PDB file of N, CA and C in Angstrom:
ATOM      1  N   MET A   1     -78.998  80.424  50.834  1.00  0.00           N
ATOM      2  CA  MET A   1     -79.157  80.702  52.248  1.00  0.00           C
ATOM      3  C   MET A   1     -78.440  79.752  52.980  1.00  0.00           C
ATOM      4  N   ARG A   2     -78.046  78.926  52.491  1.00  0.00           N
ATOM      5  CA  ARG A   2     -77.035  77.981  53.250  1.00  0.00           C
ATOM      6  C   ARG A   2     -75.498  78.825  53.784  1.00  0.00           C
ATOM      7  N   GLN A   3     -75.034  79.468  53.081  1.00  0.00           N
ATOM      8  CA  GLN A   3     -74.046  80.415  53.397  1.00  0.00           C
ATOM      9  C   GLN A   3     -74.682  81.201  54.656  1.00  0.00           C
ATOM     10  N   SER A   4     -75.942  81.891  54.123  1.00  0.00           N
ATOM     11  CA  SER A   4     -76.434  82.602  55.406  1.00  0.00           C
ATOM     12  C   SER A   4     -76.819  81.614  56.839  1.00  0.00           C
ATOM     13  N   LEU A   5     -77.391  80.545  56.391  1.00  0.00           N
ATOM     14  CA  LEU A   5     -77.373  79.332  57.704  1.00  0.00           C
ATOM     15  C   LEU A   5     -76.397  79.723  58.167  1.00  0.00           C
ATOM     16  N   GLY A   6     -75.009  79.452  57.936  1.00  0.00           N
ATOM     17  CA  GLY A   6     -73.801  78.875  58.108  1.00  0.00           C
ATOM     18  C   GLY A   6     -73.240  80.199  58.800  1.00  0.00           C
ATOM     19  N   GLU A   7     -73.648  80.889  58.011  1.00  0.00           N
ATOM     20  CA  GLU A   7     -72.620  82.512  59.079  1.00  0.00           C
ATOM     21  C   GLU A   7     -73.513  82.781  60.023  1.00  0.00           C
ATOM     22  N   LEU A   8     -75.002  82.309  60.545  1.00  0.00           N
ATOM     23  CA  LEU A   8     -75.828  82.423  61.772  1.00  0.00           C
ATOM     24  C   LEU A   8     -74.946  81.575  62.423  1.00  0.00           C
ATOM     25  N   GLU A   9     -74.937  80.694  62.223  1.00  0.00           N
ATOM     26  CA  GLU A   9     -74.526  79.186  63.509  1.00  0.00           C
ATOM     27  C   GLU A   9     -73.459  80.125  63.845  1.00  0.00           C
ATOM     28  N   LYS A  10     -72.112  80.402  62.839  1.00  0.00           N
ATOM     29  CA  LYS A  10     -70.747  81.186  63.472  1.00  0.00           C
ATOM     30  C   LYS A  10     -71.030  81.963  64.092  1.00  0.00           C
ATOM     31  N   ALA A  11     -72.126  82.873  63.989  1.00  0.00           N
ATOM     32  CA  ALA A  11     -72.031  84.288  64.442  1.00  0.00           C
ATOM     33  C   ALA A  11     -72.681  83.860  66.003  1.00  0.00           C
ATOM     34  N   PHE A  12     -73.696  82.706  66.251  1.00  0.00           N
ATOM     35  CA  PHE A  12     -74.151  82.215  67.429  1.00  0.00           C
ATOM     36  C   PHE A  12     -73.101  81.578  68.318  1.00  0.00           C
ATOM     37  N   ALA A  13     -72.424  81.200  68.009  1.00  0.00           N
ATOM     38  CA  ALA A  13     -71.020  79.650  68.456  1.00  0.00           C
ATOM     39  C   ALA A  13     -70.703  81.517  69.144  1.00  0.00           C
ATOM     40  N   LYS A  14     -69.984  82.099  68.080  1.00  0.00           N
ATOM     41  CA  LYS A  14     -68.921  83.314  68.237  1.00  0.00           C
ATOM     42  C   LYS A  14     -69.862  83.864  69.944  1.00  0.00           C
ATOM     43  N   GLU A  15     -70.812  84.328  69.987  1.00  0.00           N
ATOM     44  CA  GLU A  15     -71.701  85.296  70.728  1.00  0.00           C
ATOM     45  C   GLU A  15     -71.551  84.219  72.334  1.00  0.00           C
ATOM     46  N   ILE A  16     -71.890  82.480  72.031  1.00  0.00           N
ATOM     47  CA  ILE A  16     -71.775  81.550  72.874  1.00  0.00           C
ATOM     48  C   ILE A  16     -70.675  82.055  73.871  1.00  0.00           C
ATOM     49  N   SER A  17     -69.550  81.763  73.171  1.00  0.00           N
ATOM     50  CA  SER A  17     -68.104  81.726  73.522  1.00  0.00           C
ATOM     51  C   SER A  17     -67.993  83.174  74.335  1.00  0.00           C
ATOM     52  N   LEU A  18     -68.545  84.159  73.896  1.00  0.00           N
ATOM     53  CA  LEU A  18     -68.029  85.377  74.693  1.00  0.00           C
ATOM     54  C   LEU A  18     -69.138  85.242  76.046  1.00  0.00           C
ATOM     55  N   GLU A  19     -70.321  84.794  75.517  1.00  0.00           N
ATOM     56  CA  GLU A  19     -71.130  85.085  77.108  1.00  0.00           C
ATOM     57  C   GLU A  19     -70.284  84.010  78.318  1.00  0.00           C
ATOM     58  N   ARG A  20     -69.506  83.323  78.068  1.00  0.00           N
ATOM     59  CA  ARG A  20     -69.577  82.000  78.647  1.00  0.00           C
ATOM     60  C   ARG A  20     -67.800  82.652  79.370  1.00  0.00           C
ATOM     61  N   LEU A  21     -67.284  83.318  78.630  1.00  0.00           N
ATOM     62  CA  LEU A  21     -65.986  84.004  78.948  1.00  0.00           C
ATOM     63  C   LEU A  21     -66.398  85.199  79.918  1.00  0.00           C
ATOM     64  N   ARG A  22     -67.362  86.186  79.653  1.00  0.00           N
ATOM     65  CA  ARG A  22     -68.001  87.299  80.087  1.00  0.00           C
ATOM     66  C   ARG A  22     -68.484  86.172  81.493  1.00  0.00           C
ATOM     67  N   ARG A  23     -69.025  85.306  81.771  1.00  0.00           N
ATOM     68  CA  ARG A  23     -69.294  84.617  82.749  1.00  0.00           C
ATOM     69  C   ARG A  23     -68.460  84.109  83.822  1.00  0.00           C
ATOM     70  N   ASP A  24     -67.563  83.666  83.309  1.00  0.00           N
ATOM     71  CA  ASP A  24     -66.560  83.174  84.019  1.00  0.00           C
ATOM     72  C   ASP A  24     -65.480  84.627  84.605  1.00  0.00           C
ATOM     73  N   SER A  25     -65.608  85.355  83.804  1.00  0.00           N
ATOM     74  CA  SER A  25     -65.012  87.058  84.431  1.00  0.00           C
ATOM     75  C   SER A  25     -65.989  87.440  85.350  1.00  0.00           C
ATOM     76  N   LEU A  26     -67.055  87.495  85.294  1.00  0.00           N
ATOM     77  CA  LEU A  26     -68.118  88.085  86.597  1.00  0.00           C
ATOM     78  C   LEU A  26     -67.865  86.902  87.612  1.00  0.00           C
ATOM     79  N   GLN A  27     -67.561  85.862  87.684  1.00  0.00           N
ATOM     80  CA  GLN A  27     -67.536  84.756  88.543  1.00  0.00           C
ATOM     81  C   GLN A  27     -66.164  84.958  89.215  1.00  0.00           C
ATOM     82  N   ARG A  28     -65.473  85.036  88.317  1.00  0.00           N
ATOM     83  CA  ARG A  28     -63.937  85.472  89.272  1.00  0.00           C
ATOM     84  C   ARG A  28     -63.540  86.782  90.132  1.00  0.00           C
ATOM     85  N   THR A  29     -64.400  87.475  89.335  1.00  0.00           N
ATOM     86  CA  THR A  29     -64.321  88.983  89.889  1.00  0.00           C
ATOM     87  C   THR A  29     -65.528  88.780  91.493  1.00  0.00           C
ATOM     88  N   THR A  30     -66.770  88.447  91.370  1.00  0.00           N
ATOM     89  CA  THR A  30     -67.304  88.232  92.564  1.00  0.00           C
ATOM     90  C   THR A  30     -66.702  86.981  93.778  1.00  0.00           C
ATOM     91  N   ARG A  31     -66.029  86.070  93.240  1.00  0.00           N
ATOM     92  CA  ARG A  31     -65.517  85.395  94.470  1.00  0.00           C
ATOM     93  C   ARG A  31     -64.481  85.985  94.803  1.00  0.00           C
ATOM     94  N   LYS A  32     -63.296  87.191  94.049  1.00  0.00           N
ATOM     95  CA  LYS A  32     -62.289  88.084  95.054  1.00  0.00           C
ATOM     96  C   LYS A  32     -62.972  89.116  95.690  1.00  0.00           C
ATOM     97  N   ARG A  33     -64.234  89.866  95.044  1.00  0.00           N
ATOM     98  CA  ARG A  33     -64.738  90.895  96.260  1.00  0.00           C
ATOM     99  C   ARG A  33     -64.948  90.043  97.398  1.00  0.00           C
ATOM    100  N   ALA A  34     -65.720  88.525  97.354  1.00  0.00           N
ATOM    101  CA  ALA A  34     -66.426  87.983  98.702  1.00  0.00           C
ATOM    102  C   ALA A  34     -65.390  87.894  99.714  1.00  0.00           C
ATOM    103  N   LEU A  35     -63.904  87.400  98.820  1.00  0.00           N
ATOM    104  CA  LEU A  35     -62.568  86.789  99.437  1.00  0.00           C
ATOM    105  C   LEU A  35     -62.131  88.043 100.303  1.00  0.00           C
ATOM    106  N   LYS A  36     -62.148  89.539  99.744  1.00  0.00           N
ATOM    107  CA  LYS A  36     -61.774  90.564 100.302  1.00  0.00           C
ATOM    108  C   LYS A  36     -62.672  91.106 101.164  1.00  0.00           C
ATOM    109  N   ARG A  37     -63.816  90.912 101.181  1.00  0.00           N
ATOM    110  CA  ARG A  37     -64.715  91.168 102.407  1.00  0.00           C
ATOM    111  C   ARG A  37     -64.523  90.514 103.581  1.00  0.00           C
ATOM    112  N   GLU A  38     -64.482  89.356 103.517  1.00  0.00           N
ATOM    113  CA  GLU A  38     -63.783  88.377 104.372  1.00  0.00           C
ATOM    114  C   GLU A  38     -62.708  88.978 105.103  1.00  0.00           C
ATOM    115  N   VAL A  39     -61.579  89.104 104.617  1.00  0.00           N
ATOM    116  CA  VAL A  39     -60.379  89.297 105.097  1.00  0.00           C
ATOM    117  C   VAL A  39     -60.593  90.855 105.754  1.00  0.00           C
ATOM    118  N   ASP A  40     -61.727  91.620 105.396  1.00  0.00           N
ATOM    119  CA  ASP A  40     -61.626  92.749 105.902  1.00  0.00           C
ATOM    120  C   ASP A  40     -62.362  92.604 106.948  1.00  0.00           C
ATOM    121  N   ARG A  41     -63.665  91.955 106.810  1.00  0.00           N
ATOM    122  CA  ARG A  41     -63.935  91.636 108.419  1.00  0.00           C
ATOM    123  C   ARG A  41     -63.232  90.978 109.004  1.00  0.00           C
ATOM    124  N   ARG A  42     -62.391  90.035 108.910  1.00  0.00           N
ATOM    125  CA  ARG A  42     -61.314  89.153 109.553  1.00  0.00           C
ATOM    126  C   ARG A  42     -60.651  90.032 110.456  1.00  0.00           C
ATOM    127  N   HIS A  43     -59.901  91.032 109.697  1.00  0.00           N
ATOM    128  CA  HIS A  43     -58.964  91.790 110.284  1.00  0.00           C
ATOM    129  C   HIS A  43     -59.570  92.930 111.309  1.00  0.00           C
ATOM    130  N   LYS A  44     -61.131  93.255 110.991  1.00  0.00           N
ATOM    131  CA  LYS A  44     -61.721  93.986 111.532  1.00  0.00           C
ATOM    132  C   LYS A  44     -61.566  93.719 112.954  1.00  0.00           C
ATOM    133  N   ARG A  45     -62.634  92.160 113.164  1.00  0.00           N
ATOM    134  CA  ARG A  45     -63.056  91.492 114.149  1.00  0.00           C
ATOM    135  C   ARG A  45     -61.110  91.364 114.878  1.00  0.00           C
ATOM    136  N   GLY A  46     -60.658  91.138 114.219  1.00  0.00           N
ATOM    137  CA  GLY A  46     -59.062  91.095 115.340  1.00  0.00           C
ATOM    138  C   GLY A  46     -58.869  92.480 115.969  1.00  0.00           C
ATOM    139  N   SER A  47     -58.691  93.605 114.879  1.00  0.00           N
ATOM    140  CA  SER A  47     -58.902  94.638 115.847  1.00  0.00           C
ATOM    141  C   SER A  47     -59.477  95.263 116.952  1.00  0.00           C
ATOM    142  N   VAL A  48     -60.836  94.840 116.687  1.00  0.00           N
ATOM    143  CA  VAL A  48     -61.379  94.654 118.000  1.00  0.00           C
ATOM    144  C   VAL A  48     -61.436  94.182 119.273  1.00  0.00           C
ATOM    145  N   ARG A  49     -60.856  92.789 118.805  1.00  0.00           N
ATOM    146  CA  ARG A  49     -60.202  92.227 119.872  1.00  0.00           C
ATOM    147  C   ARG A  49     -59.204  92.776 120.832  1.00  0.00           C
ATOM    148  N   PHE A  50     -58.261  92.737 119.683  1.00  0.00           N
ATOM    149  CA  PHE A  50     -57.201  93.405 120.290  1.00  0.00           C
ATOM    150  C   PHE A  50     -57.070  94.750 121.307  1.00  0.00           C
ATOM    151  N   VAL A  51     -58.221  95.762 120.586  1.00  0.00           N
ATOM    152  CA  VAL A  51     -58.210  96.668 121.612  1.00  0.00           C
ATOM    153  C   VAL A  51     -59.177  96.404 123.201  1.00  0.00           C
ATOM    154  N   LEU A  52     -60.528  95.364 123.037  1.00  0.00           N
ATOM    155  CA  LEU A  52     -60.283  95.107 124.138  1.00  0.00           C
ATOM    156  C   LEU A  52     -59.539  94.092 125.051  1.00  0.00           C
ATOM    157  N   LEU A  53     -58.138  93.855 124.422  1.00  0.00           N
ATOM    158  CA  LEU A  53     -57.743  92.682 125.262  1.00  0.00           C
ATOM    159  C   LEU A  53     -56.902  93.923 125.922  1.00  0.00           C
ATOM    160  N   VAL A  54     -56.173  94.622 125.688  1.00  0.00           N
ATOM    161  CA  VAL A  54     -55.397  95.657 126.237  1.00  0.00           C
ATOM    162  C   VAL A  54     -56.389  96.638 127.253  1.00  0.00           C
ATOM    163  N   LEU A  55     -57.551  96.954 126.838  1.00  0.00           N
ATOM    164  CA  LEU A  55     -58.286  97.675 127.871  1.00  0.00           C
ATOM    165  C   LEU A  55     -58.558  96.758 128.949  1.00  0.00           C
ATOM    166  N   THR A  56     -58.595  95.455 128.683  1.00  0.00           N
ATOM    167  CA  THR A  56     -58.804  95.062 129.750  1.00  0.00           C
ATOM    168  C   THR A  56     -57.466  94.751 130.807  1.00  0.00           C
ATOM    169  N   LEU A  57     -56.273  94.872 130.392  1.00  0.00           N
ATOM    170  CA  LEU A  57     -54.758  94.494 130.754  1.00  0.00           C
ATOM    171  C   LEU A  57     -55.036  95.832 131.359  1.00  0.00           C
ATOM    172  N   ILE A  58     -55.576  96.838 131.268  1.00  0.00           N
ATOM    173  CA  ILE A  58     -55.163  98.098 131.811  1.00  0.00           C
ATOM    174  C   ILE A  58     -56.104  98.007 133.139  1.00  0.00           C
ATOM    175  N   ALA A  59     -57.167  97.924 132.925  1.00  0.00           N
ATOM    176  CA  ALA A  59     -58.540  98.165 133.996  1.00  0.00           C
ATOM    177  C   ALA A  59     -57.723  96.801 135.265  1.00  0.00           C
ATOM    178  N   THR A  60     -57.249  95.867 134.548  1.00  0.00           N
ATOM    179  CA  THR A  60     -56.899  94.757 135.552  1.00  0.00           C
ATOM    180  C   THR A  60     -55.749  95.554 136.288  1.00  0.00           C
ATOM    181  N   ALA A  61     -54.681  96.437 135.672  1.00  0.00           N
ATOM    182  CA  ALA A  61     -53.518  96.623 136.895  1.00  0.00           C
ATOM    183  C   ALA A  61     -53.622  97.678 137.180  1.00  0.00           C
ATOM    184  N   VAL A  62     -55.417  98.554 136.939  1.00  0.00           N
ATOM    185  CA  VAL A  62     -55.871  99.739 137.808  1.00  0.00           C
ATOM    186  C   VAL A  62     -55.911  99.292 139.005  1.00  0.00           C
ATOM    187  N   ILE A  63     -57.052  98.209 138.636  1.00  0.00           N
ATOM    188  CA  ILE A  63     -57.843  97.948 139.678  1.00  0.00           C
ATOM    189  C   ILE A  63     -56.824  96.965 140.784  1.00  0.00           C
ATOM    190  N   VAL A  64     -55.727  96.340 140.544  1.00  0.00           N
ATOM    191  CA  VAL A  64     -54.922  95.514 141.450  1.00  0.00           C
ATOM    192  C   VAL A  64     -53.753  96.765 142.230  1.00  0.00           C
ATOM    193  N   THR A  65     -53.594  97.559 141.609  1.00  0.00           N
ATOM    194  CA  THR A  65     -52.919  98.452 142.111  1.00  0.00           C
ATOM    195  C   THR A  65     -53.953  99.181 143.230  1.00  0.00           C
ATOM    196  N   ALA A  66     -54.906 100.024 142.901  1.00  0.00           N
ATOM    197  CA  ALA A  66     -55.426 100.304 143.713  1.00  0.00           C
ATOM    198  C   ALA A  66     -56.179  99.293 144.987  1.00  0.00           C
ATOM    199  N   VAL A  67     -56.150  98.057 144.880  1.00  0.00           N
ATOM    200  CA  VAL A  67     -56.878  97.025 146.244  1.00  0.00           C
ATOM    201  C   VAL A  67     -55.283  97.037 146.618  1.00  0.00           C
ATOM    202  N   MET A  68     -54.034  96.692 146.347  1.00  0.00           N
ATOM    203  CA  MET A  68     -53.099  96.807 146.884  1.00  0.00           C
ATOM    204  C   MET A  68     -52.694  97.879 147.651  1.00  0.00           C
ATOM    205  N   PHE A  69     -53.001  99.215 147.271  1.00  0.00           N
ATOM    206  CA  PHE A  69     -52.230 100.418 147.984  1.00  0.00           C
ATOM    207  C   PHE A  69     -53.852 100.449 148.875  1.00  0.00           C
ATOM    208  N   ARG A  70     -54.572 100.117 149.431  1.00  0.00           N
ATOM    209  CA  ARG A  70     -55.835  99.983 149.813  1.00  0.00           C
ATOM    210  C   ARG A  70     -55.426  98.707 151.478  1.00  0.00           C
ATOM    211  N   THR A  71     -55.393  97.922 150.545  1.00  0.00           N
ATOM    212  CA  THR A  71     -54.165  97.133 151.345  1.00  0.00           C
ATOM    213  C   THR A  71     -53.520  97.132 152.397  1.00  0.00           C
ATOM    214  N   LEU A  72     -52.340  98.040 151.665  1.00  0.00           N
ATOM    215  CA  LEU A  72     -50.979  98.740 152.508  1.00  0.00           C
ATOM    216  C   LEU A  72     -51.712  99.677 153.649  1.00  0.00           C
ATOM    217  N   TYR A  73     -52.878 100.452 153.329  1.00  0.00           N
ATOM    218  CA  TYR A  73     -53.021 101.355 153.742  1.00  0.00           C
ATOM    219  C   TYR A  73     -53.855 101.233 155.220  1.00  0.00           C
ATOM    220  N   LEU A  74     -54.748 100.061 154.929  1.00  0.00           N
ATOM    221  CA  LEU A  74     -55.332  98.971 155.951  1.00  0.00           C
ATOM    222  C   LEU A  74     -54.395  98.560 156.826  1.00  0.00           C
ATOM    223  N   LEU A  75     -53.383  97.582 156.592  1.00  0.00           N
ATOM    224  CA  LEU A  75     -52.654  97.505 157.178  1.00  0.00           C
ATOM    225  C   LEU A  75     -51.574  97.991 158.169  1.00  0.00           C
ATOM    226  N   LEU A  76     -50.731  99.230 157.481  1.00  0.00           N
ATOM    227  CA  LEU A  76     -49.867 100.185 158.090  1.00  0.00           C
ATOM    228  C   LEU A  76     -50.714 101.567 159.070  1.00  0.00           C
ATOM    229  N   GLY A  77     -52.466 101.815 158.238  1.00  0.00           N
ATOM    230  CA  GLY A  77     -52.847 102.843 158.866  1.00  0.00           C
ATOM    231  C   GLY A  77     -53.529 102.369 160.511  1.00  0.00           C
TER     232      GLY A  77
END
């Protein structure tokens, strides 16, 4: 019985050790995924902001050009 009890204790200790390793591995994987999602979100937000900036610059150039030619037309017309 003692040998059997000793074997059970060793098996239990081994199982606990394996469970800790699995838990640590899952935590690392979860952290990696969360970090990757955050990086992807940040990149997407940056891309959207860049597109908005470019569109704003183009709209500003078009408006300034139109106002400039209208002013020239009024002054010279």
